């Protein structure tokens, strides 16, 4: 997949992850894209490890499965980001 696809998928996954998670996460659209792209890569890695047994971040296969794994990865990244921000604010 191309980097443009990762950016678009990351934006969608990051926005959906922010809607799914309760509470207010900081960051604007740039933070959403960055965290979403990181989440898409993490989701692709986790999905490939689980479904194909290989260590790769490429989002192969069905785009819907790629979106679901990207959303799961984005939720994980947002939870980690929120924990780091909460710890640094305290």
PDB file of N, CA and C in Angstrom:
ATOM      1  N   UNK A   1       0.841  -1.174   0.000  1.00  0.00           N
ATOM      2  CA  UNK A   1       0.000   0.000   0.000  1.00  0.00           C
ATOM      3  C   UNK A   1       0.894   1.247   0.000  1.00  0.00           C
ATOM      4  N   UNK A   2       0.403   2.291  -0.550  1.00  0.00           N
ATOM      5  CA  UNK A   2       1.184   3.505  -0.647  1.00  0.00           C
ATOM      6  C   UNK A   2       1.062   4.335   0.626  1.00  0.00           C
ATOM      7  N   UNK A   3       1.964   5.295   0.780  1.00  0.00           N
ATOM      8  CA  UNK A   3       1.940   6.169   1.947  1.00  0.00           C
ATOM      9  C   UNK A   3       0.671   7.016   1.956  1.00  0.00           C
ATOM     10  N   UNK A   4       0.155   7.377   0.788  1.00  0.00           N
ATOM     11  CA  UNK A   4      -1.100   8.130   0.719  1.00  0.00           C
ATOM     12  C   UNK A   4      -2.256   7.311   1.300  1.00  0.00           C
ATOM     13  N   UNK A   5      -2.268   6.011   1.010  1.00  0.00           N
ATOM     14  CA  UNK A   5      -3.292   5.142   1.568  1.00  0.00           C
ATOM     15  C   UNK A   5      -3.169   5.081   3.091  1.00  0.00           C
ATOM     16  N   UNK A   6      -1.925   4.993   3.607  1.00  0.00           N
ATOM     17  CA  UNK A   6      -1.717   4.984   5.053  1.00  0.00           C
ATOM     18  C   UNK A   6      -2.216   6.280   5.687  1.00  0.00           C
ATOM     19  N   UNK A   7      -1.994   7.408   5.036  1.00  0.00           N
ATOM     20  CA  UNK A   7      -2.450   8.691   5.580  1.00  0.00           C
ATOM     21  C   UNK A   7      -3.970   8.755   5.603  1.00  0.00           C
ATOM     22  N   UNK A   8      -4.607   8.351   4.508  1.00  0.00           N
ATOM     23  CA  UNK A   8      -6.064   8.368   4.459  1.00  0.00           C
ATOM     24  C   UNK A   8      -6.647   7.365   5.457  1.00  0.00           C
ATOM     25  N   UNK A   9      -6.107   6.161   5.473  1.00  0.00           N
ATOM     26  CA  UNK A   9      -6.568   5.144   6.409  1.00  0.00           C
ATOM     27  C   UNK A   9      -6.299   5.587   7.850  1.00  0.00           C
ATOM     28  N   UNK A  10      -5.155   6.214   8.087  1.00  0.00           N
ATOM     29  CA  UNK A  10      -4.824   6.709   9.417  1.00  0.00           C
ATOM     30  C   UNK A  10      -5.758   7.807   9.874  1.00  0.00           C
ATOM     31  N   UNK A  11      -6.121   8.699   8.968  1.00  0.00           N
ATOM     32  CA  UNK A  11      -7.067   9.765   9.310  1.00  0.00           C
ATOM     33  C   UNK A  11      -8.422   9.182   9.682  1.00  0.00           C
ATOM     34  N   UNK A  12      -8.905   8.246   8.894  1.00  0.00           N
ATOM     35  CA  UNK A  12     -10.196   7.616   9.179  1.00  0.00           C
ATOM     36  C   UNK A  12     -10.122   6.816  10.476  1.00  0.00           C
ATOM     37  N   UNK A  13      -9.083   6.009  10.621  1.00  0.00           N
ATOM     38  CA  UNK A  13      -8.953   5.175  11.823  1.00  0.00           C
ATOM     39  C   UNK A  13      -8.760   6.031  13.061  1.00  0.00           C
ATOM     40  N   UNK A  14      -7.961   7.086  12.975  1.00  0.00           N
ATOM     41  CA  UNK A  14      -7.749   7.973  14.119  1.00  0.00           C
ATOM     42  C   UNK A  14      -9.016   8.682  14.532  1.00  0.00           C
ATOM     43  N   UNK A  15      -9.781   9.154  13.559  1.00  0.00           N
ATOM     44  CA  UNK A  15     -11.048   9.833  13.866  1.00  0.00           C
ATOM     45  C   UNK A  15     -12.051   8.862  14.483  1.00  0.00           C
ATOM     46  N   UNK A  16     -12.147   7.663  13.944  1.00  0.00           N
ATOM     47  CA  UNK A  16     -13.065   6.673  14.507  1.00  0.00           C
ATOM     48  C   UNK A  16     -12.620   6.229  15.897  1.00  0.00           C
ATOM     49  N   UNK A  17     -11.319   6.106  16.105  1.00  0.00           N
ATOM     50  CA  UNK A  17     -10.817   5.726  17.432  1.00  0.00           C
ATOM     51  C   UNK A  17     -11.131   6.805  18.460  1.00  0.00           C
ATOM     52  N   UNK A  18     -11.020   8.084  18.058  1.00  0.00           N
ATOM     53  CA  UNK A  18     -11.376   9.174  18.978  1.00  0.00           C
ATOM     54  C   UNK A  18     -12.865   9.167  19.288  1.00  0.00           C
ATOM     55  N   UNK A  19     -13.689   8.784  18.328  1.00  0.00           N
ATOM     56  CA  UNK A  19     -15.133   8.692  18.577  1.00  0.00           C
ATOM     57  C   UNK A  19     -15.471   7.518  19.492  1.00  0.00           C
ATOM     58  N   UNK A  20     -14.731   6.426  19.360  1.00  0.00           N
ATOM     59  CA  UNK A  20     -14.999   5.222  20.147  1.00  0.00           C
ATOM     60  C   UNK A  20     -14.559   5.400  21.592  1.00  0.00           C
ATOM     61  N   UNK A  21     -13.391   5.998  21.802  1.00  0.00           N
ATOM     62  CA  UNK A  21     -12.871   6.147  23.155  1.00  0.00           C
ATOM     63  C   UNK A  21     -13.626   7.232  23.919  1.00  0.00           C
ATOM     64  N   UNK A  22     -13.992   6.948  25.162  1.00  0.00           N
ATOM     65  CA  UNK A  22     -14.658   7.981  25.957  1.00  0.00           C
ATOM     66  C   UNK A  22     -13.661   9.016  26.445  1.00  0.00           C
ATOM     67  N   UNK A  23     -14.158  10.195  26.791  1.00  0.00           N
ATOM     68  CA  UNK A  23     -13.290  11.243  27.310  1.00  0.00           C
ATOM     69  C   UNK A  23     -12.750  12.122  26.208  1.00  0.00           C
ATOM     70  N   UNK A  24     -11.960  13.101  26.625  1.00  0.00           N
ATOM     71  CA  UNK A  24     -11.410  14.055  25.675  1.00  0.00           C
ATOM     72  C   UNK A  24      -9.923  13.791  25.491  1.00  0.00           C
ATOM     73  N   UNK A  25      -9.546  13.429  24.303  1.00  0.00           N
ATOM     74  CA  UNK A  25      -8.141  13.287  23.965  1.00  0.00           C
ATOM     75  C   UNK A  25      -7.686  14.594  23.341  1.00  0.00           C
ATOM     76  N   UNK A  26      -6.506  15.008  23.717  1.00  0.00           N
ATOM     77  CA  UNK A  26      -5.978  16.242  23.158  1.00  0.00           C
ATOM     78  C   UNK A  26      -5.485  16.054  21.739  1.00  0.00           C
ATOM     79  N   UNK A  27      -5.164  17.152  21.115  1.00  0.00           N
ATOM     80  CA  UNK A  27      -4.603  17.084  19.776  1.00  0.00           C
ATOM     81  C   UNK A  27      -5.624  17.442  18.718  1.00  0.00           C
ATOM     82  N   UNK A  28      -5.148  18.055  17.677  1.00  0.00           N
ATOM     83  CA  UNK A  28      -6.002  18.453  16.570  1.00  0.00           C
ATOM     84  C   UNK A  28      -5.954  17.445  15.449  1.00  0.00           C
ATOM     85  N   UNK A  29      -6.197  17.938  14.244  1.00  0.00           N
ATOM     86  CA  UNK A  29      -6.271  17.064  13.080  1.00  0.00           C
ATOM     87  C   UNK A  29      -4.901  16.458  12.744  1.00  0.00           C
ATOM     88  N   UNK A  30      -3.825  17.218  12.950  1.00  0.00           N
ATOM     89  CA  UNK A  30      -2.481  16.689  12.674  1.00  0.00           C
ATOM     90  C   UNK A  30      -2.156  15.557  13.638  1.00  0.00           C
ATOM     91  N   UNK A  31      -2.464  15.748  14.927  1.00  0.00           N
ATOM     92  CA  UNK A  31      -2.230  14.689  15.908  1.00  0.00           C
ATOM     93  C   UNK A  31      -3.080  13.465  15.584  1.00  0.00           C
ATOM     94  N   UNK A  32      -4.308  13.687  15.125  1.00  0.00           N
ATOM     95  CA  UNK A  32      -5.180  12.576  14.745  1.00  0.00           C
ATOM     96  C   UNK A  32      -4.580  11.796  13.582  1.00  0.00           C
ATOM     97  N   UNK A  33      -4.053  12.505  12.587  1.00  0.00           N
ATOM     98  CA  UNK A  33      -3.450  11.828  11.443  1.00  0.00           C
ATOM     99  C   UNK A  33      -2.215  11.050  11.874  1.00  0.00           C
ATOM    100  N   UNK A  34      -1.342  11.694  12.645  1.00  0.00           N
ATOM    101  CA  UNK A  34      -0.097  11.038  13.060  1.00  0.00           C
ATOM    102  C   UNK A  34      -0.395   9.800  13.908  1.00  0.00           C
ATOM    103  N   UNK A  35      -1.255   9.970  14.925  1.00  0.00           N
ATOM    104  CA  UNK A  35      -1.600   8.826  15.774  1.00  0.00           C
ATOM    105  C   UNK A  35      -2.360   7.766  14.990  1.00  0.00           C
ATOM    106  N   UNK A  36      -3.187   8.190  14.046  1.00  0.00           N
ATOM    107  CA  UNK A  36      -3.912   7.235  13.211  1.00  0.00           C
ATOM    108  C   UNK A  36      -2.990   6.446  12.296  1.00  0.00           C
ATOM    109  N   UNK A  37      -1.996   7.104  11.706  1.00  0.00           N
ATOM    110  CA  UNK A  37      -1.043   6.401  10.846  1.00  0.00           C
ATOM    111  C   UNK A  37      -0.206   5.425  11.672  1.00  0.00           C
ATOM    112  N   UNK A  38       0.239   5.867  12.852  1.00  0.00           N
ATOM    113  CA  UNK A  38       0.974   4.954  13.737  1.00  0.00           C
ATOM    114  C   UNK A  38       0.079   3.782  14.121  1.00  0.00           C
ATOM    115  N   UNK A  39      -1.187   4.077  14.429  1.00  0.00           N
ATOM    116  CA  UNK A  39      -2.137   3.017  14.750  1.00  0.00           C
ATOM    117  C   UNK A  39      -2.391   2.090  13.582  1.00  0.00           C
ATOM    118  N   UNK A  40      -2.466   2.638  12.372  1.00  0.00           N
ATOM    119  CA  UNK A  40      -2.661   1.800  11.182  1.00  0.00           C
ATOM    120  C   UNK A  40      -1.476   0.864  10.989  1.00  0.00           C
ATOM    121  N   UNK A  41      -0.273   1.380  11.206  1.00  0.00           N
ATOM    122  CA  UNK A  41       0.908   0.524  11.095  1.00  0.00           C
ATOM    123  C   UNK A  41       0.919  -0.545  12.185  1.00  0.00           C
ATOM    124  N   UNK A  42       0.586  -0.150  13.418  1.00  0.00           N
ATOM    125  CA  UNK A  42       0.519  -1.106  14.518  1.00  0.00           C
ATOM    126  C   UNK A  42      -0.574  -2.137  14.269  1.00  0.00           C
ATOM    127  N   UNK A  43      -1.726  -1.685  13.804  1.00  0.00           N
ATOM    128  CA  UNK A  43      -2.812  -2.614  13.487  1.00  0.00           C
ATOM    129  C   UNK A  43      -2.448  -3.566  12.365  1.00  0.00           C
ATOM    130  N   UNK A  44      -1.745  -3.060  11.351  1.00  0.00           N
ATOM    131  CA  UNK A  44      -1.276  -3.924  10.273  1.00  0.00           C
ATOM    132  C   UNK A  44      -0.297  -4.968  10.768  1.00  0.00           C
ATOM    133  N   UNK A  45       0.593  -4.560  11.677  1.00  0.00           N
ATOM    134  CA  UNK A  45       1.561  -5.495  12.255  1.00  0.00           C
ATOM    135  C   UNK A  45       0.847  -6.570  13.066  1.00  0.00           C
ATOM    136  N   UNK A  46      -0.077  -6.151  13.932  1.00  0.00           N
ATOM    137  CA  UNK A  46      -0.812  -7.109  14.759  1.00  0.00           C
ATOM    138  C   UNK A  46      -1.664  -8.038  13.884  1.00  0.00           C
ATOM    139  N   UNK A  47      -2.353  -7.454  12.894  1.00  0.00           N
ATOM    140  CA  UNK A  47      -3.179  -8.264  11.999  1.00  0.00           C
ATOM    141  C   UNK A  47      -2.370  -9.284  11.223  1.00  0.00           C
ATOM    142  N   UNK A  48      -1.213  -8.875  10.717  1.00  0.00           N
ATOM    143  CA  UNK A  48      -0.370  -9.808   9.972  1.00  0.00           C
ATOM    144  C   UNK A  48       0.209 -10.885  10.875  1.00  0.00           C
ATOM    145  N   UNK A  49       0.553 -10.525  12.118  1.00  0.00           N
ATOM    146  CA  UNK A  49       1.056 -11.537  13.039  1.00  0.00           C
ATOM    147  C   UNK A  49      -0.019 -12.561  13.387  1.00  0.00           C
ATOM    148  N   UNK A  50      -1.245 -12.097  13.589  1.00  0.00           N
ATOM    149  CA  UNK A  50      -2.329 -12.998  13.977  1.00  0.00           C
ATOM    150  C   UNK A  50      -2.825 -13.826  12.788  1.00  0.00           C
ATOM    151  N   UNK A  51      -3.115 -13.167  11.670  1.00  0.00           N
ATOM    152  CA  UNK A  51      -3.789 -13.849  10.563  1.00  0.00           C
ATOM    153  C   UNK A  51      -2.844 -14.531   9.577  1.00  0.00           C
ATOM    154  N   UNK A  52      -1.641 -13.977   9.389  1.00  0.00           N
ATOM    155  CA  UNK A  52      -0.749 -14.540   8.396  1.00  0.00           C
ATOM    156  C   UNK A  52       0.538 -15.099   8.991  1.00  0.00           C
ATOM    157  N   UNK A  53       0.793 -14.833  10.256  1.00  0.00           N
ATOM    158  CA  UNK A  53       1.974 -15.365  10.919  1.00  0.00           C
ATOM    159  C   UNK A  53       3.277 -14.763  10.439  1.00  0.00           C
ATOM    160  N   UNK A  54       3.237 -13.548   9.886  1.00  0.00           N
ATOM    161  CA  UNK A  54       4.472 -12.912   9.434  1.00  0.00           C
ATOM    162  C   UNK A  54       4.615 -11.543  10.085  1.00  0.00           C
ATOM    163  N   UNK A  55       5.851 -11.100  10.230  1.00  0.00           N
ATOM    164  CA  UNK A  55       6.177  -9.831  10.866  1.00  0.00           C
ATOM    165  C   UNK A  55       6.316  -8.776   9.778  1.00  0.00           C
ATOM    166  N   UNK A  56       5.201  -8.105   9.471  1.00  0.00           N
ATOM    167  CA  UNK A  56       5.177  -7.115   8.408  1.00  0.00           C
ATOM    168  C   UNK A  56       4.126  -6.072   8.743  1.00  0.00           C
ATOM    169  N   UNK A  57       4.391  -4.805   8.403  1.00  0.00           N
ATOM    170  CA  UNK A  57       3.414  -3.753   8.663  1.00  0.00           C
ATOM    171  C   UNK A  57       2.539  -3.458   7.453  1.00  0.00           C
ATOM    172  N   UNK A  58       2.771  -4.137   6.349  1.00  0.00           N
ATOM    173  CA  UNK A  58       1.955  -3.882   5.157  1.00  0.00           C
ATOM    174  C   UNK A  58       0.536  -4.383   5.401  1.00  0.00           C
ATOM    175  N   UNK A  59      -0.427  -3.567   4.996  1.00  0.00           N
ATOM    176  CA  UNK A  59      -1.828  -3.904   5.186  1.00  0.00           C
ATOM    177  C   UNK A  59      -2.313  -4.656   3.955  1.00  0.00           C
ATOM    178  N   UNK A  60      -2.105  -5.953   3.953  1.00  0.00           N
ATOM    179  CA  UNK A  60      -2.492  -6.785   2.817  1.00  0.00           C
ATOM    180  C   UNK A  60      -3.921  -7.266   2.984  1.00  0.00           C
ATOM    181  N   UNK A  61      -4.544  -7.561   1.873  1.00  0.00           N
ATOM    182  CA  UNK A  61      -5.859  -8.186   1.918  1.00  0.00           C
ATOM    183  C   UNK A  61      -6.995  -7.199   1.799  1.00  0.00           C
ATOM    184  N   UNK A  62      -8.099  -7.571   2.374  1.00  0.00           N
ATOM    185  CA  UNK A  62      -9.345  -6.833   2.301  1.00  0.00           C
ATOM    186  C   UNK A  62      -9.207  -5.464   2.957  1.00  0.00           C
ATOM    187  N   UNK A  63      -9.723  -4.411   2.327  1.00  0.00           N
ATOM    188  CA  UNK A  63      -9.608  -3.062   2.889  1.00  0.00           C
ATOM    189  C   UNK A  63     -10.416  -2.924   4.165  1.00  0.00           C
ATOM    190  N   UNK A  64     -11.533  -3.656   4.298  1.00  0.00           N
ATOM    191  CA  UNK A  64     -12.342  -3.570   5.504  1.00  0.00           C
ATOM    192  C   UNK A  64     -11.597  -4.162   6.699  1.00  0.00           C
ATOM    193  N   UNK A  65     -10.934  -5.295   6.493  1.00  0.00           N
ATOM    194  CA  UNK A  65     -10.116  -5.895   7.561  1.00  0.00           C
ATOM    195  C   UNK A  65      -8.971  -4.956   7.910  1.00  0.00           C
ATOM    196  N   UNK A  66      -8.371  -4.321   6.904  1.00  0.00           N
ATOM    197  CA  UNK A  66      -7.311  -3.352   7.154  1.00  0.00           C
ATOM    198  C   UNK A  66      -7.821  -2.183   7.983  1.00  0.00           C
ATOM    199  N   UNK A  67      -9.034  -1.706   7.692  1.00  0.00           N
ATOM    200  CA  UNK A  67      -9.614  -0.612   8.452  1.00  0.00           C
ATOM    201  C   UNK A  67      -9.873  -1.032   9.897  1.00  0.00           C
ATOM    202  N   UNK A  68     -10.399  -2.218  10.103  1.00  0.00           N
ATOM    203  CA  UNK A  68     -10.677  -2.697  11.455  1.00  0.00           C
ATOM    204  C   UNK A  68      -9.379  -2.822  12.254  1.00  0.00           C
ATOM    205  N   UNK A  69      -8.345  -3.417  11.655  1.00  0.00           N
ATOM    206  CA  UNK A  69      -7.078  -3.550  12.373  1.00  0.00           C
ATOM    207  C   UNK A  69      -6.442  -2.182  12.610  1.00  0.00           C
ATOM    208  N   UNK A  70      -6.626  -1.251  11.688  1.00  0.00           N
ATOM    209  CA  UNK A  70      -6.100   0.104  11.868  1.00  0.00           C
ATOM    210  C   UNK A  70      -6.821   0.819  13.009  1.00  0.00           C
ATOM    211  N   UNK A  71      -8.121   0.624  13.123  1.00  0.00           N
ATOM    212  CA  UNK A  71      -8.882   1.233  14.218  1.00  0.00           C
ATOM    213  C   UNK A  71      -8.443   0.647  15.551  1.00  0.00           C
ATOM    214  N   UNK A  72      -8.273  -0.659  15.608  1.00  0.00           N
ATOM    215  CA  UNK A  72      -7.798  -1.294  16.846  1.00  0.00           C
ATOM    216  C   UNK A  72      -6.411  -0.772  17.207  1.00  0.00           C
ATOM    217  N   UNK A  73      -5.532  -0.674  16.224  1.00  0.00           N
ATOM    218  CA  UNK A  73      -4.200  -0.126  16.472  1.00  0.00           C
ATOM    219  C   UNK A  73      -4.260   1.326  16.915  1.00  0.00           C
ATOM    220  N   UNK A  74      -5.155   2.107  16.332  1.00  0.00           N
ATOM    221  CA  UNK A  74      -5.298   3.520  16.712  1.00  0.00           C
ATOM    222  C   UNK A  74      -5.827   3.665  18.127  1.00  0.00           C
ATOM    223  N   UNK A  75      -6.746   2.784  18.522  1.00  0.00           N
ATOM    224  CA  UNK A  75      -7.244   2.815  19.899  1.00  0.00           C
ATOM    225  C   UNK A  75      -6.113   2.515  20.873  1.00  0.00           C
ATOM    226  N   UNK A  76      -5.294   1.530  20.546  1.00  0.00           N
ATOM    227  CA  UNK A  76      -4.149   1.202  21.405  1.00  0.00           C
ATOM    228  C   UNK A  76      -3.206   2.395  21.509  1.00  0.00           C
ATOM    229  N   UNK A  77      -2.905   3.013  20.373  1.00  0.00           N
ATOM    230  CA  UNK A  77      -2.000   4.169  20.368  1.00  0.00           C
ATOM    231  C   UNK A  77      -2.609   5.340  21.143  1.00  0.00           C
ATOM    232  N   UNK A  78      -3.906   5.594  20.976  1.00  0.00           N
ATOM    233  CA  UNK A  78      -4.559   6.680  21.718  1.00  0.00           C
ATOM    234  C   UNK A  78      -4.567   6.416  23.221  1.00  0.00           C
ATOM    235  N   UNK A  79      -4.763   5.167  23.628  1.00  0.00           N
ATOM    236  CA  UNK A  79      -4.709   4.843  25.054  1.00  0.00           C
ATOM    237  C   UNK A  79      -3.307   5.091  25.623  1.00  0.00           C
ATOM    238  N   UNK A  80      -2.294   4.698  24.884  1.00  0.00           N
ATOM    239  CA  UNK A  80      -0.920   4.939  25.325  1.00  0.00           C
ATOM    240  C   UNK A  80      -0.626   6.432  25.354  1.00  0.00           C
ATOM    241  N   UNK A  81      -1.053   7.150  24.326  1.00  0.00           N
ATOM    242  CA  UNK A  81      -0.864   8.608  24.260  1.00  0.00           C
ATOM    243  C   UNK A  81      -1.565   9.318  25.415  1.00  0.00           C
ATOM    244  N   UNK A  82      -2.792   8.892  25.717  1.00  0.00           N
ATOM    245  CA  UNK A  82      -3.535   9.473  26.828  1.00  0.00           C
ATOM    246  C   UNK A  82      -2.869   9.211  28.167  1.00  0.00           C
ATOM    247  N   UNK A  83      -2.345   8.000  28.349  1.00  0.00           N
ATOM    248  CA  UNK A  83      -1.649   7.667  29.599  1.00  0.00           C
ATOM    249  C   UNK A  83      -0.382   8.485  29.762  1.00  0.00           C
ATOM    250  N   UNK A  84       0.341   8.712  28.685  1.00  0.00           N
ATOM    251  CA  UNK A  84       1.572   9.509  28.740  1.00  0.00           C
ATOM    252  C   UNK A  84       1.238  10.967  29.037  1.00  0.00           C
ATOM    253  N   UNK A  85       0.209  11.500  28.402  1.00  0.00           N
ATOM    254  CA  UNK A  85      -0.180  12.896  28.653  1.00  0.00           C
ATOM    255  C   UNK A  85      -0.684  13.091  30.065  1.00  0.00           C
ATOM    256  N   UNK A  86      -1.445  12.104  30.568  1.00  0.00           N
ATOM    257  CA  UNK A  86      -1.956  12.208  31.929  1.00  0.00           C
ATOM    258  C   UNK A  86      -0.812  12.162  32.935  1.00  0.00           C
ATOM    259  N   UNK A  87       0.153  11.300  32.704  1.00  0.00           N
ATOM    260  CA  UNK A  87       1.294  11.171  33.607  1.00  0.00           C
ATOM    261  C   UNK A  87       2.150  12.435  33.588  1.00  0.00           C
ATOM    262  N   UNK A  88       2.351  13.039  32.416  1.00  0.00           N
ATOM    263  CA  UNK A  88       3.183  14.233  32.329  1.00  0.00           C
ATOM    264  C   UNK A  88       2.469  15.455  32.894  1.00  0.00           C
ATOM    265  N   UNK A  89       1.126  15.463  32.889  1.00  0.00           N
ATOM    266  CA  UNK A  89       0.372  16.599  33.445  1.00  0.00           C
ATOM    267  C   UNK A  89       0.311  16.541  34.954  1.00  0.00           C
ATOM    268  N   UNK A  90       0.481  15.379  35.536  1.00  0.00           N
ATOM    269  CA  UNK A  90       0.384  15.239  36.994  1.00  0.00           C
ATOM    270  C   UNK A  90       1.646  15.587  37.715  1.00  0.00           C
TER     271      UNK A  90
END
